[in-house]
Amino acid sequence: TLAQLVYNDVSVEGFFDLKAWVSVSEEFDVVRVTKTILQSVSF
């Protein structure tokens, strides 16, 4: 919840060129996480 508040804050929106959110969880898969970040920033 705290991370979401930071991520969605209006002042954050204008400061960063790119944003990505990945839920990693117990099943750590570096390929999946990297791909999710890539898709988030490239749309």
Full PDB file with SEQRES, HELIX, SHEET, SSBOND, CRYST1, ORIGX, SCALE, CONECT and MASTER records, all heavy atoms in Angstrom:
SEQRES   1 A   43  THR LEU ALA GLN LEU VAL TYR ASN ASP VAL SER VAL GLU          
SEQRES   2 A   43  GLY PHE PHE ASP LEU LYS ALA TRP VAL SER VAL SER GLU          
SEQRES   3 A   43  GLU PHE ASP VAL VAL ARG VAL THR LYS THR ILE LEU GLN          
SEQRES   4 A   43  SER VAL SER PHE                                              
HELIX    1 AA1 LEU A    2  ASN A    8  1                                   7    
HELIX    2 AA2 VAL A   10  PHE A   15  1                                   6    
HELIX    3 AA3 VAL A   30  SER A   42  1                                  13    
CRYST1    1.000    1.000    1.000  90.00  90.00  90.00 P 1           1          
ORIGX1      1.000000  0.000000  0.000000        0.00000                         
ORIGX2      0.000000  1.000000  0.000000        0.00000                         
ORIGX3      0.000000  0.000000  1.000000        0.00000                         
SCALE1      1.000000  0.000000  0.000000        0.00000                         
SCALE2      0.000000  1.000000  0.000000        0.00000                         
SCALE3      0.000000  0.000000  1.000000        0.00000                         
ATOM      1  N   THR A   1       0.832  -1.205   0.000  1.00  0.00           N  
ATOM      2  CA  THR A   1       0.000   0.000   0.000  1.00  0.00           C  
ATOM      3  C   THR A   1       0.868   1.257   0.000  1.00  0.00           C  
ATOM      4  O   THR A   1       0.607   2.206  -0.747  1.00  0.00           O  
ATOM      5  CB  THR A   1      -0.943   0.002   1.217  1.00  0.00           C  
ATOM      6  OG1 THR A   1      -1.764  -1.162   1.152  1.00  0.00           O  
ATOM      7  CG2 THR A   1      -1.807   1.243   1.253  1.00  0.00           C  
ATOM      8  N   LEU A   2       1.916   1.269   0.803  1.00  0.00           N  
ATOM      9  CA  LEU A   2       2.813   2.418   0.846  1.00  0.00           C  
ATOM     10  C   LEU A   2       3.497   2.605  -0.508  1.00  0.00           C  
ATOM     11  O   LEU A   2       3.574   3.727  -1.028  1.00  0.00           O  
ATOM     12  CB  LEU A   2       3.851   2.255   1.960  1.00  0.00           C  
ATOM     13  CG  LEU A   2       4.849   3.397   2.113  1.00  0.00           C  
ATOM     14  CD1 LEU A   2       4.145   4.721   2.384  1.00  0.00           C  
ATOM     15  CD2 LEU A   2       5.839   3.071   3.228  1.00  0.00           C  
ATOM     16  N   ALA A   3       3.976   1.513  -1.095  1.00  0.00           N  
ATOM     17  CA  ALA A   3       4.620   1.604  -2.408  1.00  0.00           C  
ATOM     18  C   ALA A   3       3.631   2.112  -3.466  1.00  0.00           C  
ATOM     19  O   ALA A   3       3.992   2.912  -4.335  1.00  0.00           O  
ATOM     20  CB  ALA A   3       5.196   0.254  -2.814  1.00  0.00           C  
ATOM     21  N   GLN A   4       2.373   1.677  -3.397  1.00  0.00           N  
ATOM     22  CA  GLN A   4       1.352   2.147  -4.343  1.00  0.00           C  
ATOM     23  C   GLN A   4       1.113   3.646  -4.200  1.00  0.00           C  
ATOM     24  O   GLN A   4       0.933   4.349  -5.201  1.00  0.00           O  
ATOM     25  CB  GLN A   4       0.032   1.404  -4.125  1.00  0.00           C  
ATOM     26  CG  GLN A   4       0.045  -0.008  -4.634  1.00  0.00           C  
ATOM     27  CD  GLN A   4      -1.194  -0.801  -4.224  1.00  0.00           C  
ATOM     28  OE1 GLN A   4      -1.857  -0.474  -3.239  1.00  0.00           O  
ATOM     29  NE2 GLN A   4      -1.491  -1.841  -4.976  1.00  0.00           N  
ATOM     30  N   LEU A   5       1.099   4.131  -2.966  1.00  0.00           N  
ATOM     31  CA  LEU A   5       0.906   5.564  -2.749  1.00  0.00           C  
ATOM     32  C   LEU A   5       2.028   6.374  -3.396  1.00  0.00           C  
ATOM     33  O   LEU A   5       1.783   7.416  -4.014  1.00  0.00           O  
ATOM     34  CB  LEU A   5       0.820   5.878  -1.257  1.00  0.00           C  
ATOM     35  CG  LEU A   5      -0.461   5.420  -0.563  1.00  0.00           C  
ATOM     36  CD1 LEU A   5      -0.335   5.584   0.953  1.00  0.00           C  
ATOM     37  CD2 LEU A   5      -1.670   6.181  -1.081  1.00  0.00           C  
ATOM     38  N   VAL A   6       3.252   5.907  -3.258  1.00  0.00           N  
ATOM     39  CA  VAL A   6       4.393   6.581  -3.893  1.00  0.00           C  
ATOM     40  C   VAL A   6       4.275   6.480  -5.410  1.00  0.00           C  
ATOM     41  O   VAL A   6       4.382   7.480  -6.130  1.00  0.00           O  
ATOM     42  CB  VAL A   6       5.734   5.978  -3.413  1.00  0.00           C  
ATOM     43  CG1 VAL A   6       6.906   6.524  -4.216  1.00  0.00           C  
ATOM     44  CG2 VAL A   6       5.936   6.236  -1.924  1.00  0.00           C  
ATOM     45  N   TYR A   7       4.051   5.292  -5.912  1.00  0.00           N  
ATOM     46  CA  TYR A   7       3.989   5.024  -7.359  1.00  0.00           C  
ATOM     47  C   TYR A   7       2.911   5.870  -8.047  1.00  0.00           C  
ATOM     48  O   TYR A   7       3.111   6.372  -9.150  1.00  0.00           O  
ATOM     49  CB  TYR A   7       3.715   3.539  -7.573  1.00  0.00           C  
ATOM     50  CG  TYR A   7       3.809   3.075  -9.011  1.00  0.00           C  
ATOM     51  CD1 TYR A   7       5.037   2.746  -9.579  1.00  0.00           C  
ATOM     52  CD2 TYR A   7       2.663   2.939  -9.792  1.00  0.00           C  
ATOM     53  CE1 TYR A   7       5.123   2.299 -10.877  1.00  0.00           C  
ATOM     54  CE2 TYR A   7       2.745   2.490 -11.092  1.00  0.00           C  
ATOM     55  CZ  TYR A   7       3.974   2.168 -11.634  1.00  0.00           C  
ATOM     56  OH  TYR A   7       4.055   1.720 -12.938  1.00  0.00           O  
ATOM     57  N   ASN A   8       1.773   6.043  -7.388  1.00  0.00           N  
ATOM     58  CA  ASN A   8       0.643   6.747  -7.992  1.00  0.00           C  
ATOM     59  C   ASN A   8       0.574   8.234  -7.640  1.00  0.00           C  
ATOM     60  O   ASN A   8      -0.341   8.925  -8.073  1.00  0.00           O  
ATOM     61  CB  ASN A   8      -0.672   6.066  -7.593  1.00  0.00           C  
ATOM     62  CG  ASN A   8      -0.771   4.682  -8.182  1.00  0.00           C  
ATOM     63  OD1 ASN A   8      -0.421   4.454  -9.327  1.00  0.00           O  
ATOM     64  ND2 ASN A   8      -1.234   3.733  -7.391  1.00  0.00           N  
ATOM     65  N   ASP A   9       1.533   8.733  -6.862  1.00  0.00           N  
ATOM     66  CA  ASP A   9       1.524  10.135  -6.467  1.00  0.00           C  
ATOM     67  C   ASP A   9       1.695  11.033  -7.694  1.00  0.00           C  
ATOM     68  O   ASP A   9       2.490  10.743  -8.590  1.00  0.00           O  
ATOM     69  CB  ASP A   9       2.650  10.395  -5.466  1.00  0.00           C  
ATOM     70  CG  ASP A   9       2.559  11.776  -4.869  1.00  0.00           C  
ATOM     71  OD1 ASP A   9       1.848  11.947  -3.862  1.00  0.00           O  
ATOM     72  OD2 ASP A   9       3.190  12.706  -5.437  1.00  0.00           O  
ATOM     73  N   VAL A  10       0.955  12.122  -7.729  1.00  0.00           N  
ATOM     74  CA  VAL A  10       0.970  13.039  -8.871  1.00  0.00           C  
ATOM     75  C   VAL A  10       2.367  13.616  -9.112  1.00  0.00           C  
ATOM     76  O   VAL A  10       2.805  13.750 -10.254  1.00  0.00           O  
ATOM     77  CB  VAL A  10      -0.059  14.179  -8.658  1.00  0.00           C  
ATOM     78  CG1 VAL A  10       0.017  15.214  -9.757  1.00  0.00           C  
ATOM     79  CG2 VAL A  10      -1.458  13.603  -8.563  1.00  0.00           C  
ATOM     80  N   SER A  11       3.088  13.937  -8.047  1.00  0.00           N  
ATOM     81  CA  SER A  11       4.420  14.522  -8.221  1.00  0.00           C  
ATOM     82  C   SER A  11       5.409  13.520  -8.797  1.00  0.00           C  
ATOM     83  O   SER A  11       6.371  13.895  -9.470  1.00  0.00           O  
ATOM     84  CB  SER A  11       4.942  15.086  -6.902  1.00  0.00           C  
ATOM     85  OG  SER A  11       5.074  14.067  -5.942  1.00  0.00           O  
ATOM     86  N   VAL A  12       5.177  12.246  -8.570  1.00  0.00           N  
ATOM     87  CA  VAL A  12       6.026  11.195  -9.132  1.00  0.00           C  
ATOM     88  C   VAL A  12       5.816  11.104 -10.637  1.00  0.00           C  
ATOM     89  O   VAL A  12       6.755  10.886 -11.408  1.00  0.00           O  
ATOM     90  CB  VAL A  12       5.714   9.835  -8.446  1.00  0.00           C  
ATOM     91  CG1 VAL A  12       6.314   8.673  -9.205  1.00  0.00           C  
ATOM     92  CG2 VAL A  12       6.215   9.853  -7.010  1.00  0.00           C  
ATOM     93  N   GLU A  13       4.588  11.309 -11.063  1.00  0.00           N  
ATOM     94  CA  GLU A  13       4.222  11.198 -12.476  1.00  0.00           C  
ATOM     95  C   GLU A  13       5.088  12.092 -13.363  1.00  0.00           C  
ATOM     96  O   GLU A  13       5.569  11.674 -14.399  1.00  0.00           O  
ATOM     97  CB  GLU A  13       2.739  11.549 -12.649  1.00  0.00           C  
ATOM     98  CG  GLU A  13       2.142  11.070 -13.934  1.00  0.00           C  
ATOM     99  CD  GLU A  13       2.085   9.562 -14.045  1.00  0.00           C  
ATOM    100  OE1 GLU A  13       1.731   8.896 -13.060  1.00  0.00           O  
ATOM    101  OE2 GLU A  13       2.416   9.044 -15.132  1.00  0.00           O  
ATOM    102  N   GLY A  14       5.297  13.316 -12.950  1.00  0.00           N  
ATOM    103  CA  GLY A  14       6.063  14.241 -13.772  1.00  0.00           C  
ATOM    104  C   GLY A  14       7.570  14.116 -13.620  1.00  0.00           C  
ATOM    105  O   GLY A  14       8.323  14.639 -14.432  1.00  0.00           O  
ATOM    106  N   PHE A  15       8.022  13.426 -12.599  1.00  0.00           N  
ATOM    107  CA  PHE A  15       9.457  13.342 -12.323  1.00  0.00           C  
ATOM    108  C   PHE A  15      10.155  12.249 -13.128  1.00  0.00           C  
ATOM    109  O   PHE A  15      11.295  12.415 -13.549  1.00  0.00           O  
ATOM    110  CB  PHE A  15       9.679  13.112 -10.827  1.00  0.00           C  
ATOM    111  CG  PHE A  15      11.115  13.152 -10.416  1.00  0.00           C  
ATOM    112  CD1 PHE A  15      11.784  14.362 -10.289  1.00  0.00           C  
ATOM    113  CD2 PHE A  15      11.805  11.984 -10.155  1.00  0.00           C  
ATOM    114  CE1 PHE A  15      13.112  14.398  -9.917  1.00  0.00           C  
ATOM    115  CE2 PHE A  15      13.141  12.014  -9.776  1.00  0.00           C  
ATOM    116  CZ  PHE A  15      13.791  13.225  -9.658  1.00  0.00           C  
ATOM    117  N   PHE A  16       9.464  11.124 -13.345  1.00  0.00           N  
ATOM    118  CA  PHE A  16      10.080   9.975 -14.007  1.00  0.00           C  
ATOM    119  C   PHE A  16       9.636   9.872 -15.461  1.00  0.00           C  
ATOM    120  O   PHE A  16       8.479  10.118 -15.790  1.00  0.00           O  
ATOM    121  CB  PHE A  16       9.721   8.678 -13.272  1.00  0.00           C  
ATOM    122  CG  PHE A  16      10.285   8.623 -11.880  1.00  0.00           C  
ATOM    123  CD1 PHE A  16       9.484   8.894 -10.781  1.00  0.00           C  
ATOM    124  CD2 PHE A  16      11.619   8.329 -11.673  1.00  0.00           C  
ATOM    125  CE1 PHE A  16      10.000   8.858  -9.495  1.00  0.00           C  
ATOM    126  CE2 PHE A  16      12.150   8.290 -10.387  1.00  0.00           C  
ATOM    127  CZ  PHE A  16      11.339   8.558  -9.298  1.00  0.00           C  
ATOM    128  N   ASP A  17      10.573   9.469 -16.314  1.00  0.00           N  
ATOM    129  CA  ASP A  17      10.257   9.238 -17.729  1.00  0.00           C  
ATOM    130  C   ASP A  17       9.499   7.927 -17.906  1.00  0.00           C  
ATOM    131  O   ASP A  17       8.624   7.826 -18.760  1.00  0.00           O  
ATOM    132  CB  ASP A  17      11.553   9.175 -18.557  1.00  0.00           C  
ATOM    133  CG  ASP A  17      12.390  10.436 -18.423  1.00  0.00           C  
ATOM    134  OD1 ASP A  17      11.823  11.531 -18.549  1.00  0.00           O  
ATOM    135  OD2 ASP A  17      13.606  10.313 -18.179  1.00  0.00           O  
ATOM    136  N   LEU A  18       9.863   6.930 -17.110  1.00  0.00           N  
ATOM    137  CA  LEU A  18       9.283   5.589 -17.234  1.00  0.00           C  
ATOM    138  C   LEU A  18       8.955   5.039 -15.856  1.00  0.00           C  
ATOM    139  O   LEU A  18       9.684   5.302 -14.889  1.00  0.00           O  
ATOM    140  CB  LEU A  18      10.277   4.632 -17.913  1.00  0.00           C  
ATOM    141  CG  LEU A  18      10.776   5.016 -19.304  1.00  0.00           C  
ATOM    142  CD1 LEU A  18      11.927   4.108 -19.723  1.00  0.00           C  
ATOM    143  CD2 LEU A  18       9.641   4.938 -20.310  1.00  0.00           C  
ATOM    144  N   LYS A  19       7.877   4.281 -15.781  1.00  0.00           N  
ATOM    145  CA  LYS A  19       7.499   3.621 -14.530  1.00  0.00           C  
ATOM    146  C   LYS A  19       7.084   2.189 -14.821  1.00  0.00           C  
ATOM    147  O   LYS A  19       6.506   1.903 -15.869  1.00  0.00           O  
ATOM    148  CB  LYS A  19       6.303   4.320 -13.870  1.00  0.00           C  
ATOM    149  CG  LYS A  19       6.587   5.676 -13.334  1.00  0.00           C  
ATOM    150  CD  LYS A  19       5.467   6.346 -12.559  1.00  0.00           C  
ATOM    151  CE  LYS A  19       4.138   5.727 -12.562  1.00  0.00           C  
ATOM    152  NZ  LYS A  19       3.132   6.410 -11.738  1.00  0.00           N  
ATOM    153  N   ALA A  20       7.376   1.304 -13.865  1.00  0.00           N  
ATOM    154  CA  ALA A  20       6.943  -0.090 -13.979  1.00  0.00           C  
ATOM    155  C   ALA A  20       6.684  -0.646 -12.593  1.00  0.00           C  
ATOM    156  O   ALA A  20       7.372  -0.302 -11.628  1.00  0.00           O  
ATOM    157  CB  ALA A  20       8.002  -0.929 -14.680  1.00  0.00           C  
ATOM    158  N   TRP A  21       5.686  -1.516 -12.505  1.00  0.00           N  
ATOM    159  CA  TRP A  21       5.336  -2.196 -11.257  1.00  0.00           C  
ATOM    160  C   TRP A  21       5.304  -3.689 -11.547  1.00  0.00           C  
ATOM    161  O   TRP A  21       4.649  -4.128 -12.480  1.00  0.00           O  
ATOM    162  CB  TRP A  21       3.956  -1.751 -10.787  1.00  0.00           C  
ATOM    163  CG  TRP A  21       3.534  -2.382  -9.495  1.00  0.00           C  
ATOM    164  CD1 TRP A  21       3.151  -3.687  -9.308  1.00  0.00           C  
ATOM    165  CD2 TRP A  21       3.463  -1.757  -8.218  1.00  0.00           C  
ATOM    166  NE1 TRP A  21       2.856  -3.908  -7.994  1.00  0.00           N  
ATOM    167  CE2 TRP A  21       3.036  -2.740  -7.300  1.00  0.00           C  
ATOM    168  CE3 TRP A  21       3.712  -0.471  -7.771  1.00  0.00           C  
ATOM    169  CZ2 TRP A  21       2.856  -2.457  -5.950  1.00  0.00           C  
ATOM    170  CZ3 TRP A  21       3.534  -0.203  -6.427  1.00  0.00           C  
ATOM    171  CH2 TRP A  21       3.104  -1.188  -5.535  1.00  0.00           C  
ATOM    172  N   VAL A  22       6.013  -4.466 -10.733  1.00  0.00           N  
ATOM    173  CA  VAL A  22       6.010  -5.918 -10.890  1.00  0.00           C  
ATOM    174  C   VAL A  22       5.767  -6.572  -9.539  1.00  0.00           C  
ATOM    175  O   VAL A  22       6.465  -6.280  -8.570  1.00  0.00           O  
ATOM    176  CB  VAL A  22       7.348  -6.443 -11.460  1.00  0.00           C  
ATOM    177  CG1 VAL A  22       7.289  -7.955 -11.662  1.00  0.00           C  
ATOM    178  CG2 VAL A  22       7.706  -5.756 -12.760  1.00  0.00           C  
ATOM    179  N   SER A  23       4.767  -7.444  -9.485  1.00  0.00           N  
ATOM    180  CA  SER A  23       4.552  -8.276  -8.298  1.00  0.00           C  
ATOM    181  C   SER A  23       5.441  -9.501  -8.450  1.00  0.00           C  
ATOM    182  O   SER A  23       5.242 -10.305  -9.355  1.00  0.00           O  
ATOM    183  CB  SER A  23       3.087  -8.692  -8.200  1.00  0.00           C  
ATOM    184  OG  SER A  23       2.293  -7.549  -8.009  1.00  0.00           O  
ATOM    185  N   VAL A  24       6.427  -9.621  -7.592  1.00  0.00           N  
ATOM    186  CA  VAL A  24       7.419 -10.686  -7.732  1.00  0.00           C  
ATOM    187  C   VAL A  24       6.952 -11.944  -7.005  1.00  0.00           C  
ATOM    188  O   VAL A  24       6.874 -13.012  -7.596  1.00  0.00           O  
ATOM    189  CB  VAL A  24       8.802 -10.234  -7.215  1.00  0.00           C  
ATOM    190  CG1 VAL A  24       9.824 -11.341  -7.366  1.00  0.00           C  
ATOM    191  CG2 VAL A  24       9.248  -8.971  -7.964  1.00  0.00           C  
ATOM    192  N   SER A  25       6.697 -11.851  -5.714  1.00  0.00           N  
ATOM    193  CA  SER A  25       6.175 -12.933  -4.884  1.00  0.00           C  
ATOM    194  C   SER A  25       7.143 -14.097  -4.722  1.00  0.00           C  
ATOM    195  O   SER A  25       8.317 -13.992  -5.032  1.00  0.00           O  
ATOM    196  CB  SER A  25       4.824 -13.393  -5.424  1.00  0.00           C  
ATOM    197  OG  SER A  25       4.027 -13.851  -4.370  1.00  0.00           O  
ATOM    198  N   GLU A  26       6.609 -15.221  -4.220  1.00  0.00           N  
ATOM    199  CA  GLU A  26       7.454 -16.372  -3.887  1.00  0.00           C  
ATOM    200  C   GLU A  26       8.091 -17.015  -5.109  1.00  0.00           C  
ATOM    201  O   GLU A  26       9.218 -17.465  -5.064  1.00  0.00           O  
ATOM    202  CB  GLU A  26       6.629 -17.436  -3.149  1.00  0.00           C  
ATOM    203  CG  GLU A  26       6.408 -17.117  -1.698  1.00  0.00           C  
ATOM    204  CD  GLU A  26       5.683 -18.233  -0.990  1.00  0.00           C  
ATOM    205  OE1 GLU A  26       6.345 -19.230  -0.643  1.00  0.00           O  
ATOM    206  OE2 GLU A  26       4.463 -18.096  -0.798  1.00  0.00           O  
ATOM    207  N   GLU A  27       7.363 -17.085  -6.192  1.00  0.00           N  
ATOM    208  CA  GLU A  27       7.837 -17.747  -7.405  1.00  0.00           C  
ATOM    209  C   GLU A  27       8.743 -16.786  -8.175  1.00  0.00           C  
ATOM    210  O   GLU A  27       8.301 -16.100  -9.094  1.00  0.00           O  
ATOM    211  CB  GLU A  27       6.639 -18.177  -8.269  1.00  0.00           C  
ATOM    212  CG  GLU A  27       6.973 -19.049  -9.434  1.00  0.00           C  
ATOM    213  CD  GLU A  27       7.369 -20.459  -9.043  1.00  0.00           C  
ATOM    214  OE1 GLU A  27       6.883 -20.954  -8.005  1.00  0.00           O  
ATOM    215  OE2 GLU A  27       8.166 -21.066  -9.763  1.00  0.00           O  
ATOM    216  N   PHE A  28      10.013 -16.724  -7.785  1.00  0.00           N  
ATOM    217  CA  PHE A  28      10.952 -15.784  -8.394  1.00  0.00           C  
ATOM    218  C   PHE A  28      11.428 -16.326  -9.733  1.00  0.00           C  
ATOM    219  O   PHE A  28      12.066 -17.365  -9.810  1.00  0.00           O  
ATOM    220  CB  PHE A  28      12.153 -15.555  -7.475  1.00  0.00           C  
ATOM    221  CG  PHE A  28      13.100 -14.513  -7.986  1.00  0.00           C  
ATOM    222  CD1 PHE A  28      12.876 -13.179  -7.718  1.00  0.00           C  
ATOM    223  CD2 PHE A  28      14.211 -14.868  -8.737  1.00  0.00           C  
ATOM    224  CE1 PHE A  28      13.749 -12.202  -8.186  1.00  0.00           C  
ATOM    225  CE2 PHE A  28      15.079 -13.903  -9.201  1.00  0.00           C  
ATOM    226  CZ  PHE A  28      14.853 -12.572  -8.933  1.00  0.00           C  
ATOM    227  N   ASP A  29      11.099 -15.604 -10.785  1.00  0.00           N  
ATOM    228  CA  ASP A  29      11.498 -15.982 -12.138  1.00  0.00           C  
ATOM    229  C   ASP A  29      12.051 -14.722 -12.796  1.00  0.00           C  
ATOM    230  O   ASP A  29      11.295 -13.840 -13.203  1.00  0.00           O  
ATOM    231  CB  ASP A  29      10.291 -16.529 -12.904  1.00  0.00           C  
ATOM    232  CG  ASP A  29      10.600 -16.913 -14.330  1.00  0.00           C  
ATOM    233  OD1 ASP A  29      11.725 -16.652 -14.815  1.00  0.00           O  
ATOM    234  OD2 ASP A  29       9.705 -17.480 -14.983  1.00  0.00           O  
ATOM    235  N   VAL A  30      13.364 -14.644 -12.903  1.00  0.00           N  
ATOM    236  CA  VAL A  30      14.004 -13.426 -13.404  1.00  0.00           C  
ATOM    237  C   VAL A  30      13.577 -13.127 -14.840  1.00  0.00           C  
ATOM    238  O   VAL A  30      13.449 -11.959 -15.220  1.00  0.00           O  
ATOM    239  CB  VAL A  30      15.539 -13.486 -13.247  1.00  0.00           C  
ATOM    240  CG1 VAL A  30      16.162 -14.472 -14.208  1.00  0.00           C  
ATOM    241  CG2 VAL A  30      16.158 -12.110 -13.395  1.00  0.00           C  
ATOM    242  N   VAL A  31      13.312 -14.142 -15.653  1.00  0.00           N  
ATOM    243  CA  VAL A  31      12.845 -13.918 -17.024  1.00  0.00           C  
ATOM    244  C   VAL A  31      11.464 -13.261 -17.000  1.00  0.00           C  
ATOM    245  O   VAL A  31      11.224 -12.261 -17.686  1.00  0.00           O  
ATOM    246  CB  VAL A  31      12.822 -15.238 -17.839  1.00  0.00           C  
ATOM    247  CG1 VAL A  31      12.134 -15.042 -19.178  1.00  0.00           C  
ATOM    248  CG2 VAL A  31      14.232 -15.768 -18.034  1.00  0.00           C  
ATOM    249  N   ARG A  32      10.553 -13.790 -16.195  1.00  0.00           N  
ATOM    250  CA  ARG A  32       9.201 -13.229 -16.105  1.00  0.00           C  
ATOM    251  C   ARG A  32       9.225 -11.801 -15.589  1.00  0.00           C  
ATOM    252  O   ARG A  32       8.574 -10.908 -16.134  1.00  0.00           O  
ATOM    253  CB  ARG A  32       8.320 -14.090 -15.189  1.00  0.00           C  
ATOM    254  CG  ARG A  32       6.887 -13.515 -15.021  1.00  0.00           C  
ATOM    255  CD  ARG A  32       6.096 -14.216 -13.935  1.00  0.00           C  
ATOM    256  NE  ARG A  32       6.598 -14.032 -12.592  1.00  0.00           N  
ATOM    257  CZ  ARG A  32       6.349 -12.964 -11.837  1.00  0.00           C  
ATOM    258  NH1 ARG A  32       5.634 -11.962 -12.287  1.00  0.00           N  
ATOM    259  NH2 ARG A  32       6.840 -12.877 -10.607  1.00  0.00           N  
ATOM    260  N   VAL A  33      10.000 -11.561 -14.541  1.00  0.00           N  
ATOM    261  CA  VAL A  33      10.058 -10.223 -13.955  1.00  0.00           C  
ATOM    262  C   VAL A  33      10.668  -9.232 -14.948  1.00  0.00           C  
ATOM    263  O   VAL A  33      10.137  -8.135 -15.148  1.00  0.00           O  
ATOM    264  CB  VAL A  33      10.843 -10.241 -12.625  1.00  0.00           C  
ATOM    265  CG1 VAL A  33      11.054  -8.832 -12.097  1.00  0.00           C  
ATOM    266  CG2 VAL A  33      10.127 -11.102 -11.594  1.00  0.00           C  
ATOM    267  N   THR A  34      11.750  -9.612 -15.589  1.00  0.00           N  
ATOM    268  CA  THR A  34      12.399  -8.744 -16.570  1.00  0.00           C  
ATOM    269  C   THR A  34      11.461  -8.450 -17.728  1.00  0.00           C  
ATOM    270  O   THR A  34      11.340  -7.304 -18.181  1.00  0.00           O  
ATOM    271  CB  THR A  34      13.710  -9.375 -17.082  1.00  0.00           C  
ATOM    272  OG1 THR A  34      14.564  -9.644 -15.968  1.00  0.00           O  
ATOM    273  CG2 THR A  34      14.427  -8.455 -18.058  1.00  0.00           C  
ATOM    274  N   LYS A  35      10.763  -9.465 -18.204  1.00  0.00           N  
ATOM    275  CA  LYS A  35       9.822  -9.294 -19.311  1.00  0.00           C  
ATOM    276  C   LYS A  35       8.677  -8.355 -18.907  1.00  0.00           C  
ATOM    277  O   LYS A  35       8.269  -7.494 -19.689  1.00  0.00           O  
ATOM    278  CB  LYS A  35       9.249 -10.648 -19.756  1.00  0.00           C  
ATOM    279  CG  LYS A  35       8.377 -10.544 -20.993  1.00  0.00           C  
ATOM    280  CD  LYS A  35       7.702 -11.852 -21.342  1.00  0.00           C  
ATOM    281  CE  LYS A  35       8.649 -12.814 -21.966  1.00  0.00           C  
ATOM    282  NZ  LYS A  35       7.942 -13.966 -22.572  1.00  0.00           N  
ATOM    283  N   THR A  36       8.186  -8.501 -17.696  1.00  0.00           N  
ATOM    284  CA  THR A  36       7.106  -7.634 -17.221  1.00  0.00           C  
ATOM    285  C   THR A  36       7.565  -6.183 -17.154  1.00  0.00           C  
ATOM    286  O   THR A  36       6.832  -5.275 -17.567  1.00  0.00           O  
ATOM    287  CB  THR A  36       6.596  -8.105 -15.846  1.00  0.00           C  
ATOM    288  OG1 THR A  36       6.150  -9.456 -15.955  1.00  0.00           O  
ATOM    289  CG2 THR A  36       5.458  -7.236 -15.348  1.00  0.00           C  
ATOM    290  N   ILE A  37       8.761  -5.943 -16.644  1.00  0.00           N  
ATOM    291  CA  ILE A  37       9.298  -4.577 -16.604  1.00  0.00           C  
ATOM    292  C   ILE A  37       9.427  -4.036 -18.025  1.00  0.00           C  
ATOM    293  O   ILE A  37       9.005  -2.911 -18.317  1.00  0.00           O  
ATOM    294  CB  ILE A  37      10.659  -4.530 -15.882  1.00  0.00           C  
ATOM    295  CG1 ILE A  37      10.529  -4.945 -14.424  1.00  0.00           C  
ATOM    296  CG2 ILE A  37      11.277  -3.130 -15.996  1.00  0.00           C  
ATOM    297  CD1 ILE A  37      11.856  -5.208 -13.735  1.00  0.00           C  
ATOM    298  N   LEU A  38       9.995  -4.831 -18.910  1.00  0.00           N  
ATOM    299  CA  LEU A  38      10.189  -4.421 -20.301  1.00  0.00           C  
ATOM    300  C   LEU A  38       8.863  -4.039 -20.957  1.00  0.00           C  
ATOM    301  O   LEU A  38       8.747  -2.986 -21.594  1.00  0.00           O  
ATOM    302  CB  LEU A  38      10.869  -5.550 -21.079  1.00  0.00           C  
ATOM    303  CG  LEU A  38      11.117  -5.302 -22.561  1.00  0.00           C  
ATOM    304  CD1 LEU A  38      12.039  -4.105 -22.773  1.00  0.00           C  
ATOM    305  CD2 LEU A  38      11.711  -6.552 -23.197  1.00  0.00           C  
ATOM    306  N   GLN A  39       7.860  -4.870 -20.780  1.00  0.00           N  
ATOM    307  CA  GLN A  39       6.550  -4.588 -21.369  1.00  0.00           C  
ATOM    308  C   GLN A  39       5.910  -3.344 -20.758  1.00  0.00           C  
ATOM    309  O   GLN A  39       5.248  -2.575 -21.443  1.00  0.00           O  
ATOM    310  CB  GLN A  39       5.630  -5.804 -21.234  1.00  0.00           C  
ATOM    311  CG  GLN A  39       6.063  -6.957 -22.101  1.00  0.00           C  
ATOM    312  CD  GLN A  39       5.229  -8.222 -21.948  1.00  0.00           C  
ATOM    313  OE1 GLN A  39       5.211  -9.033 -22.837  1.00  0.00           O  
ATOM    314  NE2 GLN A  39       4.545  -8.415 -20.838  1.00  0.00           N  
ATOM    315  N   SER A  40       6.140  -3.134 -19.466  1.00  0.00           N  
ATOM    316  CA  SER A  40       5.572  -1.965 -18.791  1.00  0.00           C  
ATOM    317  C   SER A  40       6.175  -0.658 -19.283  1.00  0.00           C  
ATOM    318  O   SER A  40       5.471   0.330 -19.428  1.00  0.00           O  
ATOM    319  CB  SER A  40       5.774  -2.070 -17.279  1.00  0.00           C  
ATOM    320  OG  SER A  40       5.042  -3.140 -16.756  1.00  0.00           O  
ATOM    321  N   VAL A  41       7.468  -0.650 -19.518  1.00  0.00           N  
ATOM    322  CA  VAL A  41       8.112   0.599 -19.936  1.00  0.00           C  
ATOM    323  C   VAL A  41       8.039   0.819 -21.445  1.00  0.00           C  
ATOM    324  O   VAL A  41       8.120   1.955 -21.901  1.00  0.00           O  
ATOM    325  CB  VAL A  41       9.580   0.709 -19.443  1.00  0.00           C  
ATOM    326  CG1 VAL A  41       9.635   0.713 -17.924  1.00  0.00           C  
ATOM    327  CG2 VAL A  41      10.462  -0.367 -20.026  1.00  0.00           C  
ATOM    328  N   SER A  42       7.854  -0.248 -22.209  1.00  0.00           N  
ATOM    329  CA  SER A  42       7.785  -0.098 -23.667  1.00  0.00           C  
ATOM    330  C   SER A  42       6.354  -0.027 -24.175  1.00  0.00           C  
ATOM    331  O   SER A  42       6.120   0.369 -25.310  1.00  0.00           O  
ATOM    332  CB  SER A  42       8.499  -1.267 -24.357  1.00  0.00           C  
ATOM    333  OG  SER A  42       7.767  -2.468 -24.202  1.00  0.00           O  
ATOM    334  N   PHE A  43       5.397  -0.456 -23.347  1.00  0.00           N  
ATOM    335  CA  PHE A  43       3.981  -0.529 -23.722  1.00  0.00           C  
ATOM    336  C   PHE A  43       3.769  -1.454 -24.930  1.00  0.00           C  
ATOM    337  O   PHE A  43       2.867  -1.254 -25.718  1.00  0.00           O  
ATOM    338  CB  PHE A  43       3.385   0.861 -24.009  1.00  0.00           C  
ATOM    339  CG  PHE A  43       3.480   1.792 -22.844  1.00  0.00           C  
ATOM    340  CD1 PHE A  43       4.451   2.770 -22.804  1.00  0.00           C  
ATOM    341  CD2 PHE A  43       2.600   1.673 -21.781  1.00  0.00           C  
ATOM    342  CE1 PHE A  43       4.544   3.629 -21.720  1.00  0.00           C  
ATOM    343  CE2 PHE A  43       2.685   2.530 -20.690  1.00  0.00           C  
ATOM    344  CZ  PHE A  43       3.661   3.510 -20.667  1.00  0.00           C  
TER     345      PHE A  43                                                      
MASTER        0    0    0    3    0    0    0    6  344    1    0    4          
END                                                                             
